[in-house]
Amino acid sequence: MEQILRQLREEEIERVLTQLGSRFRKMLQLQIEVYEGTMRLDRVPDDERDRDLEIEAAKLSRKEGQIADDAERTLNLLREEGSSVAFPESVEQMHDDMVQITQRLSSAKVGQMTQGIEQDVVKALEEMVQALERAQRDQQQEQAGGQKGQKKSGKKGAAGGDQQERPLVNAMAELKMIRALQMRVNARTDRYSKLLNEGVEQADQPDLVEALQKLSQQEEKIHKSTRDIVVGRNQ
């Protein structure tokens, strides 16, 4: 029975990792397209910006909204799986960024602040894809090692027993994800502070102040997630 449960859990992990990897790669491709489109619009001189630019920005906004919907569905999948703390937290904050990008593009705001958020989302997606690829390699190596162990001993491998309770990714991968999230928050805080000190356009100042407040809230959530990982609340 333990061997059957172990095998079922391994198959479930492999299925979820494959599904997540496919979703994140798709989101990454679309997010890069939105980012490149935003930069293209931002290169239009101020005196040449007209209704056409607003229409193109609105198209990018709708595309970003679709990416945000994909992120929300992925977040639900992670919450349903239930064994990870860092991935749901990262996806949730990334989803919030996508919603913010959608709103800014719908107002034809294609400047530094919007592009900076888009860059952060691209980086987050790249890190998630890499983390999932590492998790898949680890999963395949452990499966191969477990099969060899069973052939030699004629018993269940060292990963048996409570293997069915194994999390989607290990604690080290979780902590790396949280560390990457913290670094992005730190970098964005510095970036926003510099923009305020340098005197950004008056229209963007309220947005920056609100964004800094949200970053403070994200800090608190990151600290809570770190504690949860350390005490094993994702197990």
Protein backbone atom coordinates (compact mmCIF):
# COMPACT_ATOMS: atom_id res chain seq x y z
CA MET A 1 0.00 0.00 0.00
CA GLU A 2 2.82 2.41 0.87
CA GLN A 3 4.49 1.67 -2.46
CA ILE A 4 1.24 2.37 -4.31
CA LEU A 5 0.76 5.64 -2.43
CA ARG A 6 4.35 6.62 -3.14
CA GLN A 7 3.93 5.94 -6.84
CA LEU A 8 0.65 7.86 -6.98
CA ARG A 9 2.26 10.86 -5.29
CA GLU A 10 5.22 10.76 -7.68
CA GLU A 11 2.86 10.68 -10.65
CA GLU A 12 0.84 13.57 -9.20
CA ILE A 13 3.97 15.67 -8.65
CA GLU A 14 5.20 14.98 -12.18
CA ARG A 15 1.81 15.91 -13.63
CA VAL A 16 1.57 19.16 -11.66
CA LEU A 17 5.16 20.17 -12.43
CA THR A 18 4.62 19.57 -16.14
CA GLN A 19 1.35 21.49 -16.13
CA LEU A 20 2.86 24.41 -14.20
CA GLY A 21 5.92 24.54 -16.43
CA SER A 22 3.77 24.72 -19.56
CA ARG A 23 1.61 27.49 -18.10
CA PHE A 24 4.52 29.60 -16.88
CA ARG A 25 6.37 29.32 -20.20
CA LYS A 26 3.25 30.46 -22.05
CA MET A 27 2.77 33.39 -19.67
CA LEU A 28 6.44 34.33 -20.03
CA GLN A 29 6.21 34.44 -23.82
CA LEU A 30 3.08 36.62 -23.71
CA GLN A 31 4.52 38.89 -21.02
CA ILE A 32 7.64 39.54 -23.09
CA GLU A 33 5.40 40.48 -26.02
CA VAL A 34 3.50 42.98 -23.85
CA TYR A 35 6.75 44.42 -22.51
CA GLU A 36 8.20 44.88 -25.99
CA GLY A 37 4.94 46.48 -27.13
CA THR A 38 5.01 48.88 -24.19
CA MET A 39 8.57 49.94 -24.97
CA ARG A 40 7.63 50.47 -28.60
CA LEU A 41 4.78 52.78 -27.63
CA ASP A 42 6.95 54.66 -25.15
CA ARG A 43 9.39 55.52 -27.95
CA VAL A 44 6.67 57.56 -29.67
CA PRO A 45 7.46 61.28 -29.09
CA ASP A 46 5.03 63.06 -26.77
CA ASP A 47 3.86 65.45 -29.48
CA GLU A 48 3.02 62.53 -31.77
CA ARG A 49 0.97 60.55 -29.30
CA ASP A 50 -2.63 60.35 -30.42
CA ARG A 51 -5.68 58.12 -30.37
CA ASP A 52 -3.79 55.38 -32.21
CA LEU A 53 -1.38 55.04 -29.28
CA GLU A 54 -4.28 54.76 -26.86
CA ILE A 55 -5.82 52.02 -29.00
CA GLU A 56 -2.56 50.07 -29.11
CA ALA A 57 -2.10 50.46 -25.35
CA ALA A 58 -5.65 49.20 -24.82
CA LYS A 59 -4.85 46.11 -26.90
CA LEU A 60 -1.80 45.46 -24.72
CA SER A 61 -3.98 45.97 -21.66
CA ARG A 62 -6.42 43.28 -22.79
CA LYS A 63 -3.54 40.92 -23.52
CA GLU A 64 -2.11 41.56 -20.06
CA GLY A 65 -5.54 40.88 -18.61
CA GLN A 66 -5.53 37.46 -20.26
CA ILE A 67 -2.12 36.73 -18.75
CA ALA A 68 -3.47 37.77 -15.34
CA ASP A 69 -6.39 35.36 -15.78
CA ASP A 70 -3.93 32.55 -16.55
CA ALA A 71 -1.95 33.47 -13.44
CA GLU A 72 -5.09 33.35 -11.31
CA ARG A 73 -5.99 29.90 -12.64
CA THR A 74 -2.44 28.74 -11.94
CA LEU A 75 -2.66 30.14 -8.42
CA ASN A 76 -5.84 28.13 -7.83
CA LEU A 77 -4.04 25.00 -9.03
CA LEU A 78 -1.18 25.61 -6.59
CA ARG A 79 -3.56 26.23 -3.72
CA GLU A 80 -5.46 23.07 -4.55
CA GLU A 81 -2.21 21.07 -4.61
CA GLY A 82 -1.48 22.60 -1.23
CA SER A 83 2.11 21.57 -0.45
CA SER A 84 3.95 24.74 -1.50
CA VAL A 85 4.16 28.08 0.31
CA ALA A 86 6.58 30.04 -1.88
CA PHE A 87 5.06 29.35 -5.28
CA PRO A 88 1.52 30.49 -4.40
CA GLU A 89 2.90 33.60 -2.70
CA SER A 90 5.06 34.44 -5.70
CA VAL A 91 2.22 33.86 -8.16
CA GLU A 92 -0.20 35.90 -6.07
CA GLN A 93 2.13 38.90 -5.98
CA MET A 94 2.89 38.45 -9.66
CA HIS A 95 -0.85 38.41 -10.39
CA ASP A 96 -1.23 41.67 -8.48
CA ASP A 97 1.50 43.16 -10.66
CA MET A 98 -0.28 41.96 -13.80
CA VAL A 99 -3.51 43.61 -12.68
CA GLN A 100 -1.60 46.83 -12.07
CA ILE A 101 -0.02 46.63 -15.54
CA THR A 102 -3.45 46.03 -17.07
CA GLN A 103 -4.84 49.14 -15.39
CA ARG A 104 -1.88 51.31 -16.35
CA LEU A 105 -1.94 50.24 -19.99
CA SER A 106 -5.68 50.85 -20.18
CA SER A 107 -4.84 54.47 -19.28
CA ALA A 108 -2.06 54.53 -21.89
CA LYS A 109 0.62 54.80 -19.18
CA VAL A 110 3.60 53.25 -20.98
CA GLY A 111 6.49 54.92 -19.17
CA GLN A 112 9.21 53.80 -16.76
CA MET A 113 6.92 52.69 -13.96
CA THR A 114 4.84 50.39 -16.16
CA GLN A 115 7.91 48.96 -17.88
CA GLY A 116 9.60 48.37 -14.53
CA ILE A 117 6.67 46.30 -13.29
CA GLU A 118 6.64 44.36 -16.55
CA GLN A 119 10.37 43.64 -16.17
CA ASP A 120 9.75 42.32 -12.66
CA VAL A 121 7.01 40.01 -13.92
CA VAL A 122 9.23 38.70 -16.72
CA LYS A 123 12.01 38.01 -14.21
CA ALA A 124 9.60 36.30 -11.82
CA LEU A 125 8.29 34.04 -14.58
CA GLU A 126 11.83 33.16 -15.69
CA GLU A 127 12.73 32.20 -12.12
CA MET A 128 9.61 30.06 -11.79
CA VAL A 129 10.30 28.23 -15.04
CA GLN A 130 13.86 27.54 -13.92
CA ALA A 131 12.72 26.37 -10.48
CA LEU A 132 10.18 23.99 -12.00
CA GLU A 133 12.75 22.59 -14.41
CA ARG A 134 15.09 21.90 -11.48
CA ALA A 135 12.24 20.27 -9.56
CA GLN A 136 11.45 18.03 -12.53
CA ARG A 137 15.09 16.98 -12.83
CA ASP A 138 15.21 16.21 -9.10
CA GLN A 139 11.99 14.25 -9.37
CA GLN A 140 13.32 12.16 -12.26
CA GLN A 141 16.62 11.49 -10.47
CA GLU A 142 14.85 10.42 -7.29
CA GLN A 143 12.54 8.13 -9.24
CA ALA A 144 15.50 6.54 -10.99
CA GLY A 145 17.36 6.16 -7.68
CA GLY A 146 14.31 4.68 -5.99
CA GLN A 147 13.79 2.11 -8.73
CA LYS A 148 17.44 1.02 -8.51
CA GLY A 149 17.17 0.73 -4.76
CA GLN A 150 14.08 -1.43 -5.01
CA LYS A 151 15.71 -3.76 -7.54
CA LYS A 152 18.74 -4.24 -5.30
CA SER A 153 16.92 -4.66 -2.00
CA GLY A 154 13.63 -6.09 -3.17
CA LYS A 155 12.00 -3.60 -0.79
CA LYS A 156 10.62 -0.10 -1.07
CA GLY A 157 13.28 2.56 -1.48
CA ALA A 158 14.56 4.94 1.12
CA ALA A 159 12.00 7.42 -0.06
CA GLY A 160 9.20 5.09 1.03
CA GLY A 161 7.07 5.31 4.11
CA ASP A 162 5.83 8.88 4.11
CA GLN A 163 6.80 9.51 0.47
CA GLN A 164 3.16 10.05 -0.39
CA GLU A 165 3.35 13.22 1.73
CA ARG A 166 6.27 14.61 -0.25
CA PRO A 167 5.81 18.30 -1.21
CA LEU A 168 5.80 19.62 -4.75
CA VAL A 169 9.25 21.18 -4.25
CA ASN A 170 11.70 20.85 -1.36
CA ALA A 171 12.27 23.41 1.39
CA MET A 172 15.49 24.70 -0.18
CA ALA A 173 13.69 25.48 -3.45
CA GLU A 174 10.94 27.19 -1.46
CA LEU A 175 13.42 29.40 0.38
CA LYS A 176 15.21 30.28 -2.87
CA MET A 177 11.89 31.37 -4.36
CA ILE A 178 11.11 33.52 -1.32
CA ARG A 179 14.60 35.04 -1.45
CA ALA A 180 14.11 35.94 -5.13
CA LEU A 181 10.75 37.50 -4.27
CA GLN A 182 12.35 39.54 -1.49
CA MET A 183 15.09 40.75 -3.81
CA ARG A 184 12.51 41.93 -6.35
CA VAL A 185 10.63 43.81 -3.65
CA ASN A 186 13.87 45.45 -2.49
CA ALA A 187 14.85 46.42 -6.02
CA ARG A 188 11.42 47.88 -6.75
CA THR A 189 11.42 49.84 -3.50
CA ASP A 190 14.77 51.37 -4.44
CA ARG A 191 13.55 52.11 -7.96
CA TYR A 192 10.38 53.84 -6.78
CA SER A 193 12.25 55.84 -4.15
CA LYS A 194 14.69 57.10 -6.77
CA LEU A 195 11.84 58.06 -9.11
CA LEU A 196 10.22 60.08 -6.34
CA ASN A 197 13.50 61.77 -5.40
CA GLU A 198 14.28 62.57 -9.02
CA GLY A 199 10.88 64.20 -9.47
CA VAL A 200 8.72 62.05 -11.74
CA GLU A 201 5.75 63.43 -13.60
CA GLN A 202 3.12 64.72 -11.21
CA ALA A 203 0.54 62.26 -12.56
CA ASP A 204 2.71 59.32 -11.48
CA GLN A 205 3.46 60.52 -7.95
CA PRO A 206 0.22 59.21 -6.35
CA ASP A 207 0.76 55.87 -8.10
CA LEU A 208 4.28 55.63 -6.71
CA VAL A 209 3.19 56.44 -3.17
CA GLU A 210 0.44 53.81 -3.34
CA ALA A 211 2.88 51.29 -4.84
CA LEU A 212 5.34 51.83 -2.00
CA GLN A 213 2.57 51.16 0.51
CA LYS A 214 1.72 47.91 -1.29
CA LEU A 215 5.37 46.90 -1.20
CA SER A 216 5.32 47.30 2.56
CA GLN A 217 2.37 44.90 2.71
CA GLN A 218 4.21 42.46 0.46
CA GLU A 219 7.15 42.55 2.88
CA GLU A 220 4.89 41.37 5.69
CA LYS A 221 3.53 38.53 3.57
CA ILE A 222 7.03 37.45 2.58
CA HIS A 223 8.10 37.29 6.22
CA LYS A 224 5.03 35.22 7.08
CA SER A 225 5.70 32.84 4.18
CA THR A 226 9.29 32.43 5.32
CA ARG A 227 8.13 31.48 8.81
CA ASP A 228 5.63 29.02 7.37
CA ILE A 229 8.35 27.32 5.32
CA VAL A 230 10.73 27.11 8.28
CA VAL A 231 8.15 25.54 10.61
CA GLY A 232 6.85 23.28 7.83
CA ARG A 233 3.31 24.60 7.56
CA ASN A 234 3.27 23.65 3.88
CA GLN A 235 3.66 20.00 4.84
